[in-house]
Amino acid sequence: MEAQPGKYDFTLVDMILAEARKHQVHVIPLWFATWKNGSQHFMPDWMKMDTVRYAHDVNKNGEAVDSPSPFATASLEADKAAFAALMRHLKEVDAQRTVIMVQVENEPGSYGTVRDFSPACAEVFRCTGSAGGAARDECEGDNSRSDVAAGFWRGCG
């Protein structure tokens, strides 16, 4: 759907809508978002190739694994933009309401590691106290990371 950043091709979506209308059925598309079964296989190639901007989970040995990091905010932003583009397209082309809902689903997880051991995750893990009694008060006043953990993957683990 997005072979280049910000350039969307809805040809397949339009084909599905046309076929559904031809057979007089409704459609419920499934949006897998950043993760699909803990992997990045449904991400566009341009995201997969830029492992700095769209970081992967890091295992205990410091090696990147085939799972997107929950701390790659660029991945979240790209996903939000693509989803918004899809919803705008559906609004424009589906006055008949062939699409009756869109199921938004993320299947987070990690392959090759129990959690992300990246420095960003380690900091949240420490600041939320999830690391087994870490000194949370050391992080007071720095909500940039402790608040993030509440929003996704509470303490990365």
Foldseek 3Di string as FASTA:
>chain_A
DPQDQPDDDCPVVVVVLVVCVVVVAADAAEAQQCADQQARVPPHPVLVVPCVLFPAFAAPVRDGFRGTAPPNVVSVVSRVSVVVVVVVVCVVPPPVNSHVYYHYHYNHAHDPHRFRPDPLLVVLLLLCCVVPRRDVVVCPPPCVRVVVLVVPCNSRD
